[in-house]
Amino acid sequence: LDYYEKSRGVHYSAIRYARNVLSGLSQYLEQEHVDLRHLTISQTDMFLTQYNARFQTATKRYNRSALRGFLRYLYQMQAIKRNLAPLIVAAPIYGLAKPPKFLLPDEITRLFSSLDSTTPQGLRTAALVHIGYTLGLRPKEISQISLDDISFAKGLITIHQRKCDNPVHIPLPEITIKAIAAYIIGARPKSHHRRLFLTFTAPYRPIRAATVCMAIGSQIHRINPAASAYALRHTYAQNLLESGASVFEIKEMLGHDNIQSSNRYLHIHTKLMQRTLFNDTL
């Protein structure tokens, strides 16, 4: 520690970490009857595993660094024959994609049954939920829909702001057309803004993506507290998968700019899995 402080200019906090680690190492060597001169990487790994068990990730990193410095010092002083410092590494952490949360059929039924058509807020939320479920749009895309994007006569909606920068024309299911029309007639404030969804407090302005997330999320939480607003988008992707759509087709419908983004949504085909494993259906 004196060498650390005087020759390396190490900060006091690092000295404190090193002191604690070396104290723990000393106790471990004594308990295991290990001679420091014959220390092996297996023994240092065992010590770190035991010593770091109670610490968070950041502290574990500091502890490894302190032990690494000590081993380097021992090698320089010829107290050990092999430099073990480079061998002190963290266990690899693999970034496994988490299966997205989506709603089961009975949850979808309960979600739509819970929608309120008696208040302006309820009508707006109902329209948001219908769009999210039947079109699989992102909250930001929903917030940017304008009145000019919707053709009620043709039953089409144009989505301009997609990650792949390609506007697309998507068929509007009749149930979604009715939900949008109910909102426009019964809840949308009169405004010069052309955005479809507006705030309810004057001066009326287009709502933000965060408002879409909050409105949809609050409704979904009544059915599934663990799910978020994006559960509708994930459910849309699952429905496409179960209907036999290819990954490329799903990529186009979700507005992704690469296949890898779409693959994240397609970890589980629940109906196929249940039929295969249990010879049963949902």
Foldseek 3Di string as FASTA:
>chain_A
DVCCCPVVVDDPVLVVLLVVLVVLVVVLCVVVVHDPQPDDLVSVVVSLCVVCVVDDPVSSVSSLVSVLVVLCVCVVVVSYVDRCSVVSDDDDDDDDQDAAAADDPVLVVVLLVPQDLPALLSLVLNLLLLCCQQQLAQLQQLLQFFPVQDDPVQQWGWGQDFPQRDIDIDGHDPVNSVSLVSNVVPHDDDDPDGGSAWDPDPVIDRDHSVVSFVSQQVSSCVRPVVHTSSNSSLNNLLVCVLVPHDLVVSCVSNRHPDSVVSVSSPPDNDQVVCCVPPVDGD
